[in-house]
Amino acid sequence: MNFFQKVRYKLEKEFGQLISLQRMVTLLDQKIVKQKFLIDGKEYKYLFHSYNNYGLTERTAEIPIVYSYLVREPFQKVLEIGNVTNYYEEYFSNVFKSKTVVDKIEINYNVITKDIAEYYSADKFDFIFSISTFEHMDSDLGRNPDYKKGTSKYCSVAADNIVHCYENLLAEGGLLLITAPLGYTPEWDITFKTDCLESYGFKYMKKHVFKRKSVQEWEQLKTFSPTDEMPYGKPFPYANYISVFEIRK
C-alpha cells in the first residue's frame, strides 16, 4: 500500500466514523438501541466503542462473537490475525493469557508486521482468530496492490491462508475462528459460501451466519443457504451479514 492509498484509506475510515457517531446519537435520542443478542443461545452484550464502531458497524457483534469463544475455553496461547483487539484492550482484559498479533500493514510495538502467509512459529497456538481481516486478503476491491488473480491454490488467497493457519500454526485440538462481513468482496463470499474448502480434510468445520435485523440489531441464523443473497450496505449501512468459520484440529 503506497502513501496515497494509505491517506485515502485513513480519510474513508475517519469519515465513516463521523457518520456512525451521528447515526448512533440519533438512535440514542429515539431510545431504540438494543443492548444484547444471542450467540449459540447465550446472551451477550453488543459492543459500543468510540473506535471504528459506535454500535453501527459489524464489529458491534463480531467482537462479542469472538469474546464468547474466549470465555468458553481456557486458551493459553492465542494468535490474532489482523490488529483489531488491541484497540479494544479493556474489553478483552480478562481473557488473554498470551497473545501474539500478526498484521500485514500495521506497525506497533506489540504487532508483528508480516503477511500471515509468510508467518511461522515454532510454538503452535491453541486459539487462532481474526476479525474483519480475511475479506481484505484478495483484491480488496482493487485496494490490494499485491494481489495477483489466479495465483491461489484453492479458491482464494484467504482460503490458502486458512489452510496455512490450520497446517502450520494451529495446535492439535486447537480452534481457528474467523469472522468477516459477507457481500463486501466476491473472493471472500466464494471462500465462505461455496464448498471450496469442504473436501480439504479439516477435523471439524462449521459455518455460522449472523444477520442484521435492524440498524443496530443482529440475530444468529439457524439455517442458511449458500445461494441466499447476502448484500453489503443494504438495506442497512455497512455489513448486513457476518460470516463465521469455526475450524478445529
C-alpha atoms as a PDB file:
ATOM      1  CA  MET A   1       0.000   0.000   0.000  1.00  0.00           C
ATOM      2  CA  ASN A   2       1.604   3.281  -1.115  1.00  0.00           C
ATOM      3  CA  PHE A   3       1.342   6.690   0.592  1.00  0.00           C
ATOM      4  CA  PHE A   4      -1.692   7.897  -1.337  1.00  0.00           C
ATOM      5  CA  GLN A   5      -3.563   4.642  -0.760  1.00  0.00           C
ATOM      6  CA  LYS A   6      -2.874   4.936   2.970  1.00  0.00           C
ATOM      7  CA  VAL A   7      -4.163   8.531   3.008  1.00  0.00           C
ATOM      8  CA  ARG A   8      -7.336   7.538   1.132  1.00  0.00           C
ATOM      9  CA  TYR A   9      -7.889   4.603   3.492  1.00  0.00           C
ATOM     10  CA  LYS A  10      -7.458   6.880   6.529  1.00  0.00           C
ATOM     11  CA  LEU A  11      -9.874   9.516   5.201  1.00  0.00           C
ATOM     12  CA  GLU A  12     -12.506   6.919   4.317  1.00  0.00           C
ATOM     13  CA  LYS A  13     -12.181   5.429   7.789  1.00  0.00           C
ATOM     14  CA  GLU A  14     -12.456   8.745   9.639  1.00  0.00           C
ATOM     15  CA  PHE A  15     -15.400   9.913   7.517  1.00  0.00           C
ATOM     16  CA  GLY A  16     -17.176   6.653   8.252  1.00  0.00           C
ATOM     17  CA  GLN A  17     -16.566   7.230  11.971  1.00  0.00           C
ATOM     18  CA  LEU A  18     -18.340  10.588  11.886  1.00  0.00           C
ATOM     19  CA  ILE A  19     -21.322   9.135  10.036  1.00  0.00           C
ATOM     20  CA  SER A  20     -21.548   6.267  12.553  1.00  0.00           C
ATOM     21  CA  LEU A  21     -21.425   8.644  15.512  1.00  0.00           C
ATOM     22  CA  GLN A  22     -24.187  10.779  14.032  1.00  0.00           C
ATOM     23  CA  ARG A  23     -26.398   7.741  13.451  1.00  0.00           C
ATOM     24  CA  MET A  24     -25.810   6.370  16.936  1.00  0.00           C
ATOM     25  CA  VAL A  25     -26.697   9.721  18.537  1.00  0.00           C
ATOM     26  CA  THR A  26     -29.946   9.632  16.577  1.00  0.00           C
ATOM     27  CA  LEU A  27     -30.696   6.093  17.793  1.00  0.00           C
ATOM     28  CA  LEU A  28     -29.966   7.063  21.391  1.00  0.00           C
ATOM     29  CA  ASP A  29     -32.303  10.026  21.091  1.00  0.00           C
ATOM     30  CA  GLN A  30     -35.013   7.721  19.815  1.00  0.00           C
ATOM     31  CA  LYS A  31     -34.282   5.237  22.632  1.00  0.00           C
ATOM     32  CA  ILE A  32     -34.241   2.231  20.303  1.00  0.00           C
ATOM     33  CA  VAL A  33     -30.694   0.997  20.924  1.00  0.00           C
ATOM     34  CA  LYS A  34     -30.571  -2.741  21.620  1.00  0.00           C
ATOM     35  CA  GLN A  35     -28.252  -3.932  24.387  1.00  0.00           C
ATOM     36  CA  LYS A  36     -27.921  -7.716  23.971  1.00  0.00           C
ATOM     37  CA  PHE A  37     -28.178 -10.525  21.425  1.00  0.00           C
ATOM     38  CA  LEU A  38     -27.870 -14.321  21.389  1.00  0.00           C
ATOM     39  CA  ILE A  39     -24.741 -16.278  20.401  1.00  0.00           C
ATOM     40  CA  ASP A  40     -25.333 -20.039  20.392  1.00  0.00           C
ATOM     41  CA  GLY A  41     -28.330 -19.492  22.656  1.00  0.00           C
ATOM     42  CA  LYS A  42     -26.491 -17.436  25.280  1.00  0.00           C
ATOM     43  CA  GLU A  43     -26.951 -13.713  25.806  1.00  0.00           C
ATOM     44  CA  TYR A  44     -24.069 -11.287  25.171  1.00  0.00           C
ATOM     45  CA  LYS A  45     -23.889  -7.506  25.150  1.00  0.00           C
ATOM     46  CA  TYR A  46     -23.273  -5.621  21.926  1.00  0.00           C
ATOM     47  CA  LEU A  47     -20.013  -3.709  21.846  1.00  0.00           C
ATOM     48  CA  PHE A  48     -20.255   0.086  21.853  1.00  0.00           C
ATOM     49  CA  HIS A  49     -16.894   1.753  21.427  1.00  0.00           C
ATOM     50  CA  SER A  50     -15.539   5.006  20.021  1.00  0.00           C
ATOM     51  CA  TYR A  51     -13.007   3.219  17.800  1.00  0.00           C
ATOM     52  CA  ASN A  52     -14.363   2.147  14.410  1.00  0.00           C
ATOM     53  CA  ASN A  53     -17.739   1.202  15.825  1.00  0.00           C
ATOM     54  CA  TYR A  54     -20.299   3.366  17.649  1.00  0.00           C
ATOM     55  CA  GLY A  55     -22.526   0.315  17.560  1.00  0.00           C
ATOM     56  CA  LEU A  56     -23.321   0.534  13.860  1.00  0.00           C
ATOM     57  CA  THR A  57     -20.594  -1.449  12.116  1.00  0.00           C
ATOM     58  CA  GLU A  58     -20.460  -5.232  12.185  1.00  0.00           C
ATOM     59  CA  ARG A  59     -17.862  -5.040  14.962  1.00  0.00           C
ATOM     60  CA  THR A  60     -20.657  -4.404  17.445  1.00  0.00           C
ATOM     61  CA  ALA A  61     -21.483  -8.111  17.004  1.00  0.00           C
ATOM     62  CA  GLU A  62     -18.205  -9.563  15.676  1.00  0.00           C
ATOM     63  CA  ILE A  63     -16.169  -8.721  18.750  1.00  0.00           C
ATOM     64  CA  PRO A  64     -18.664 -10.243  21.213  1.00  0.00           C
ATOM     65  CA  ILE A  65     -18.775 -13.341  18.980  1.00  0.00           C
ATOM     66  CA  VAL A  66     -15.017 -13.811  19.390  1.00  0.00           C
ATOM     67  CA  TYR A  67     -15.256 -12.981  23.095  1.00  0.00           C
ATOM     68  CA  SER A  68     -17.923 -15.678  23.534  1.00  0.00           C
ATOM     69  CA  TYR A  69     -15.428 -18.340  22.409  1.00  0.00           C
ATOM     70  CA  LEU A  70     -12.653 -16.967  24.611  1.00  0.00           C
ATOM     71  CA  VAL A  71     -14.744 -17.287  27.763  1.00  0.00           C
ATOM     72  CA  ARG A  72     -15.905 -20.826  26.905  1.00  0.00           C
ATOM     73  CA  GLU A  73     -12.478 -22.463  26.801  1.00  0.00           C
ATOM     74  CA  PRO A  74      -9.217 -21.882  28.737  1.00  0.00           C
ATOM     75  CA  PHE A  75      -6.989 -20.969  25.774  1.00  0.00           C
ATOM     76  CA  GLN A  76      -3.368 -20.498  26.776  1.00  0.00           C
ATOM     77  CA  LYS A  77      -1.614 -19.409  23.577  1.00  0.00           C
ATOM     78  CA  VAL A  78      -3.500 -17.112  21.221  1.00  0.00           C
ATOM     79  CA  LEU A  79      -2.733 -15.749  17.756  1.00  0.00           C
ATOM     80  CA  GLU A  80      -4.684 -12.857  16.273  1.00  0.00           C
ATOM     81  CA  ILE A  81      -4.504 -12.212  12.516  1.00  0.00           C
ATOM     82  CA  GLY A  82      -5.094  -8.506  11.937  1.00  0.00           C
ATOM     83  CA  ASN A  83      -4.528  -5.968  14.690  1.00  0.00           C
ATOM     84  CA  VAL A  84      -8.061  -5.426  15.991  1.00  0.00           C
ATOM     85  CA  THR A  85      -8.439  -6.359  19.665  1.00  0.00           C
ATOM     86  CA  ASN A  86      -5.555  -4.111  20.763  1.00  0.00           C
ATOM     87  CA  TYR A  87      -7.933  -1.206  20.077  1.00  0.00           C
ATOM     88  CA  TYR A  88     -10.467  -2.726  22.484  1.00  0.00           C
ATOM     89  CA  GLU A  89      -7.971  -3.761  25.142  1.00  0.00           C
ATOM     90  CA  GLU A  90     -10.210  -3.077  28.129  1.00  0.00           C
ATOM     91  CA  TYR A  91     -12.961  -5.273  26.669  1.00  0.00           C
ATOM     92  CA  PHE A  92     -10.606  -8.278  26.432  1.00  0.00           C
ATOM     93  CA  SER A  93      -8.560  -7.516  29.554  1.00  0.00           C
ATOM     94  CA  ASN A  94      -9.578 -10.671  31.425  1.00  0.00           C
ATOM     95  CA  VAL A  95      -9.381 -13.294  28.659  1.00  0.00           C
ATOM     96  CA  PHE A  96      -5.919 -13.147  27.053  1.00  0.00           C
ATOM     97  CA  LYS A  97      -3.196 -15.022  28.907  1.00  0.00           C
ATOM     98  CA  SER A  98      -0.767 -14.930  25.969  1.00  0.00           C
ATOM     99  CA  LYS A  99      -1.495 -13.164  22.678  1.00  0.00           C
ATOM    100  CA  THR A 100       0.560 -12.739  19.507  1.00  0.00           C
ATOM    101  CA  VAL A 101      -0.689 -10.322  16.837  1.00  0.00           C
ATOM    102  CA  VAL A 102       0.321 -10.535  13.177  1.00  0.00           C
ATOM    103  CA  ASP A 103      -0.728  -7.760  10.792  1.00  0.00           C
ATOM    104  CA  LYS A 104       0.478  -7.226   7.224  1.00  0.00           C
ATOM    105  CA  ILE A 105       0.348  -3.411   7.378  1.00  0.00           C
ATOM    106  CA  GLU A 106       0.241  -2.019  10.900  1.00  0.00           C
ATOM    107  CA  ILE A 107       3.464  -1.183  12.717  1.00  0.00           C
ATOM    108  CA  ASN A 108       3.320  -1.194  16.506  1.00  0.00           C
ATOM    109  CA  TYR A 109       5.398  -2.372  19.446  1.00  0.00           C
ATOM    110  CA  ASN A 110       3.061  -5.299  20.121  1.00  0.00           C
ATOM    111  CA  VAL A 111       2.404  -6.270  16.495  1.00  0.00           C
ATOM    112  CA  ILE A 112       4.426  -8.493  14.171  1.00  0.00           C
ATOM    113  CA  THR A 113       4.231  -6.689  10.828  1.00  0.00           C
ATOM    114  CA  LYS A 114       4.118  -9.582   8.398  1.00  0.00           C
ATOM    115  CA  ASP A 115       1.836 -11.252   5.877  1.00  0.00           C
ATOM    116  CA  ILE A 116       0.240 -14.213   7.664  1.00  0.00           C
ATOM    117  CA  ALA A 117       1.104 -16.372   4.639  1.00  0.00           C
ATOM    118  CA  GLU A 118       4.785 -15.842   5.480  1.00  0.00           C
ATOM    119  CA  TYR A 119       4.478 -16.223   9.244  1.00  0.00           C
ATOM    120  CA  TYR A 120       5.634 -19.380  11.022  1.00  0.00           C
ATOM    121  CA  SER A 121       6.095 -20.171  14.686  1.00  0.00           C
ATOM    122  CA  ALA A 122       7.936 -22.965  16.474  1.00  0.00           C
ATOM    123  CA  ASP A 123       5.224 -22.915  19.123  1.00  0.00           C
ATOM    124  CA  LYS A 124       1.726 -23.712  17.924  1.00  0.00           C
ATOM    125  CA  PHE A 125      -1.387 -21.815  19.063  1.00  0.00           C
ATOM    126  CA  ASP A 126      -4.459 -23.355  20.651  1.00  0.00           C
ATOM    127  CA  PHE A 127      -6.644 -20.439  19.505  1.00  0.00           C
ATOM    128  CA  ILE A 128      -6.192 -18.507  16.261  1.00  0.00           C
ATOM    129  CA  PHE A 129      -8.740 -15.855  15.404  1.00  0.00           C
ATOM    130  CA  SER A 130      -9.338 -12.984  13.025  1.00  0.00           C
ATOM    131  CA  ILE A 131     -11.890 -10.156  12.953  1.00  0.00           C
ATOM    132  CA  SER A 132     -12.773  -8.481   9.630  1.00  0.00           C
ATOM    133  CA  THR A 133      -9.410  -9.208   8.036  1.00  0.00           C
ATOM    134  CA  PHE A 134      -9.692 -12.203   5.709  1.00  0.00           C
ATOM    135  CA  GLU A 135     -12.043 -10.362   3.337  1.00  0.00           C
ATOM    136  CA  HIS A 136      -9.134  -8.000   2.540  1.00  0.00           C
ATOM    137  CA  MET A 137      -6.634 -10.719   1.583  1.00  0.00           C
ATOM    138  CA  ASP A 138      -7.539 -10.919  -2.099  1.00  0.00           C
ATOM    139  CA  SER A 139      -8.255  -7.959  -4.393  1.00  0.00           C
ATOM    140  CA  ASP A 140      -9.926  -5.946  -1.611  1.00  0.00           C
ATOM    141  CA  LEU A 141     -11.962  -4.140  -4.277  1.00  0.00           C
ATOM    142  CA  GLY A 142      -8.785  -3.015  -6.024  1.00  0.00           C
ATOM    143  CA  ARG A 143      -7.083  -1.690  -2.880  1.00  0.00           C
ATOM    144  CA  ASN A 144      -4.560  -4.536  -2.570  1.00  0.00           C
ATOM    145  CA  PRO A 145      -1.572  -3.859  -4.869  1.00  0.00           C
ATOM    146  CA  ASP A 146      -0.030  -7.258  -4.023  1.00  0.00           C
ATOM    147  CA  TYR A 147      -2.998  -9.242  -5.330  1.00  0.00           C
ATOM    148  CA  LYS A 148      -2.476 -11.383  -8.425  1.00  0.00           C
ATOM    149  CA  LYS A 149      -5.575 -13.095  -9.722  1.00  0.00           C
ATOM    150  CA  GLY A 150      -5.310 -16.820 -10.311  1.00  0.00           C
ATOM    151  CA  THR A 151      -2.279 -17.436  -8.090  1.00  0.00           C
ATOM    152  CA  SER A 152      -4.094 -19.069  -5.159  1.00  0.00           C
ATOM    153  CA  LYS A 153      -4.020 -22.835  -4.760  1.00  0.00           C
ATOM    154  CA  TYR A 154      -7.603 -23.003  -3.537  1.00  0.00           C
ATOM    155  CA  CYS A 155     -10.440 -20.637  -4.432  1.00  0.00           C
ATOM    156  CA  SER A 156      -8.819 -17.527  -2.940  1.00  0.00           C
ATOM    157  CA  VAL A 157      -5.788 -16.169  -1.104  1.00  0.00           C
ATOM    158  CA  ALA A 158      -7.975 -16.153   2.002  1.00  0.00           C
ATOM    159  CA  ALA A 159      -8.661 -19.882   1.564  1.00  0.00           C
ATOM    160  CA  ASP A 160      -4.928 -20.562   1.139  1.00  0.00           C
ATOM    161  CA  ASN A 161      -4.257 -18.693   4.378  1.00  0.00           C
ATOM    162  CA  ILE A 162      -6.917 -20.685   6.236  1.00  0.00           C
ATOM    163  CA  VAL A 163      -5.133 -23.889   5.206  1.00  0.00           C
ATOM    164  CA  HIS A 164      -1.753 -22.385   6.135  1.00  0.00           C
ATOM    165  CA  CYS A 165      -3.005 -21.477   9.624  1.00  0.00           C
ATOM    166  CA  TYR A 166      -4.536 -24.904  10.120  1.00  0.00           C
ATOM    167  CA  GLU A 167      -1.482 -26.854   8.938  1.00  0.00           C
ATOM    168  CA  ASN A 168       1.385 -24.730  10.239  1.00  0.00           C
ATOM    169  CA  LEU A 169       0.180 -22.635  13.170  1.00  0.00           C
ATOM    170  CA  LEU A 170      -2.736 -24.391  14.895  1.00  0.00           C
ATOM    171  CA  ALA A 171      -2.007 -26.879  17.673  1.00  0.00           C
ATOM    172  CA  GLU A 172      -3.706 -30.274  17.876  1.00  0.00           C
ATOM    173  CA  GLY A 173      -7.089 -29.760  19.490  1.00  0.00           C
ATOM    174  CA  GLY A 174      -6.922 -26.031  18.727  1.00  0.00           C
ATOM    175  CA  LEU A 175      -9.574 -23.728  17.302  1.00  0.00           C
ATOM    176  CA  LEU A 176      -9.365 -21.431  14.268  1.00  0.00           C
ATOM    177  CA  LEU A 177     -12.117 -18.779  14.287  1.00  0.00           C
ATOM    178  CA  ILE A 178     -12.645 -16.253  11.501  1.00  0.00           C
ATOM    179  CA  THR A 179     -15.303 -13.555  11.292  1.00  0.00           C
ATOM    180  CA  ALA A 180     -15.812 -11.394   8.215  1.00  0.00           C
ATOM    181  CA  PRO A 181     -18.607  -9.442   6.543  1.00  0.00           C
ATOM    182  CA  LEU A 182     -20.400 -11.046   3.630  1.00  0.00           C
ATOM    183  CA  GLY A 183     -21.171  -9.169   0.431  1.00  0.00           C
ATOM    184  CA  TYR A 184     -18.076  -6.965   0.774  1.00  0.00           C
ATOM    185  CA  THR A 185     -15.666  -8.791  -1.536  1.00  0.00           C
ATOM    186  CA  PRO A 186     -16.512 -11.543  -4.042  1.00  0.00           C
ATOM    187  CA  GLU A 187     -13.441 -13.614  -3.148  1.00  0.00           C
ATOM    188  CA  TRP A 188     -14.464 -13.942   0.493  1.00  0.00           C
ATOM    189  CA  ASP A 189     -18.043 -14.757  -0.470  1.00  0.00           C
ATOM    190  CA  ILE A 190     -16.730 -17.565  -2.683  1.00  0.00           C
ATOM    191  CA  THR A 191     -14.490 -18.811   0.134  1.00  0.00           C
ATOM    192  CA  PHE A 192     -17.303 -18.926   2.670  1.00  0.00           C
ATOM    193  CA  LYS A 193     -20.406 -19.668   0.616  1.00  0.00           C
ATOM    194  CA  THR A 194     -19.041 -22.367  -1.708  1.00  0.00           C
ATOM    195  CA  ASP A 195     -17.625 -25.805  -0.884  1.00  0.00           C
ATOM    196  CA  CYS A 196     -14.060 -24.974  -1.946  1.00  0.00           C
ATOM    197  CA  LEU A 197     -12.695 -25.989   1.484  1.00  0.00           C
ATOM    198  CA  GLU A 198     -15.210 -28.704   2.306  1.00  0.00           C
ATOM    199  CA  SER A 199     -13.028 -31.510   0.939  1.00  0.00           C
ATOM    200  CA  TYR A 200      -9.757 -30.297   2.442  1.00  0.00           C
ATOM    201  CA  GLY A 201      -9.884 -32.630   5.413  1.00  0.00           C
ATOM    202  CA  PHE A 202     -10.352 -30.418   8.455  1.00  0.00           C
ATOM    203  CA  LYS A 203     -11.183 -32.496  11.517  1.00  0.00           C
ATOM    204  CA  TYR A 204     -14.115 -30.197  12.201  1.00  0.00           C
ATOM    205  CA  MET A 205     -15.533 -27.242  10.302  1.00  0.00           C
ATOM    206  CA  LYS A 206     -18.750 -25.352  10.898  1.00  0.00           C
ATOM    207  CA  LYS A 207     -20.091 -22.172   9.357  1.00  0.00           C
ATOM    208  CA  HIS A 208     -22.304 -19.659  11.143  1.00  0.00           C
ATOM    209  CA  VAL A 209     -24.115 -16.594   9.794  1.00  0.00           C
ATOM    210  CA  PHE A 210     -25.429 -13.595  11.708  1.00  0.00           C
ATOM    211  CA  LYS A 211     -27.981 -11.310  10.046  1.00  0.00           C
ATOM    212  CA  ARG A 212     -28.637  -7.651  10.748  1.00  0.00           C
ATOM    213  CA  LYS A 213     -32.308  -7.281  11.686  1.00  0.00           C
ATOM    214  CA  SER A 214     -32.324  -3.502  12.080  1.00  0.00           C
ATOM    215  CA  VAL A 215     -29.818  -0.656  12.117  1.00  0.00           C
ATOM    216  CA  GLN A 216     -28.487  -1.925  15.444  1.00  0.00           C
ATOM    217  CA  GLU A 217     -29.760  -5.468  15.995  1.00  0.00           C
ATOM    218  CA  TRP A 218     -28.317  -8.844  14.976  1.00  0.00           C
ATOM    219  CA  GLU A 219     -29.539 -12.436  15.066  1.00  0.00           C
ATOM    220  CA  GLN A 220     -27.789 -15.765  14.529  1.00  0.00           C
ATOM    221  CA  LEU A 221     -29.429 -17.708  11.707  1.00  0.00           C
ATOM    222  CA  LYS A 222     -30.350 -21.294  12.483  1.00  0.00           C
ATOM    223  CA  THR A 223     -30.056 -22.242   8.826  1.00  0.00           C
ATOM    224  CA  PHE A 224     -28.835 -20.525   5.665  1.00  0.00           C
ATOM    225  CA  SER A 225     -28.189 -21.406   2.054  1.00  0.00           C
ATOM    226  CA  PRO A 226     -25.073 -20.545   0.021  1.00  0.00           C
ATOM    227  CA  THR A 227     -27.439 -19.274  -2.661  1.00  0.00           C
ATOM    228  CA  ASP A 228     -29.038 -16.732  -0.321  1.00  0.00           C
ATOM    229  CA  GLU A 229     -28.378 -13.128  -1.268  1.00  0.00           C
ATOM    230  CA  MET A 230     -26.301 -11.518   1.485  1.00  0.00           C
ATOM    231  CA  PRO A 231     -25.620  -7.939   0.349  1.00  0.00           C
ATOM    232  CA  TYR A 232     -23.305  -5.383   1.928  1.00  0.00           C
ATOM    233  CA  GLY A 233     -24.581  -1.882   2.632  1.00  0.00           C
ATOM    234  CA  LYS A 234     -28.264  -2.626   2.143  1.00  0.00           C
ATOM    235  CA  PRO A 235     -30.856  -2.447   3.480  1.00  0.00           C
ATOM    236  CA  PHE A 236     -28.723  -1.091   6.362  1.00  0.00           C
ATOM    237  CA  PRO A 237     -25.293   0.620   6.317  1.00  0.00           C
ATOM    238  CA  TYR A 238     -22.133  -1.498   6.476  1.00  0.00           C
ATOM    239  CA  ALA A 239     -22.370  -5.301   6.698  1.00  0.00           C
ATOM    240  CA  ASN A 240     -25.801  -6.895   6.780  1.00  0.00           C
ATOM    241  CA  TYR A 241     -24.410 -10.417   7.252  1.00  0.00           C
ATOM    242  CA  ILE A 242     -21.444 -11.708   9.261  1.00  0.00           C
ATOM    243  CA  SER A 243     -19.783 -14.989   8.346  1.00  0.00           C
ATOM    244  CA  VAL A 244     -18.086 -17.126  10.996  1.00  0.00           C
ATOM    245  CA  PHE A 245     -15.718 -20.005  10.210  1.00  0.00           C
ATOM    246  CA  GLU A 246     -15.193 -22.365  13.151  1.00  0.00           C
ATOM    247  CA  ILE A 247     -12.438 -24.891  12.389  1.00  0.00           C
ATOM    248  CA  ARG A 248     -10.973 -27.334  14.908  1.00  0.00           C
ATOM    249  CA  LYS A 249      -7.907 -29.546  14.628  1.00  0.00           C
END
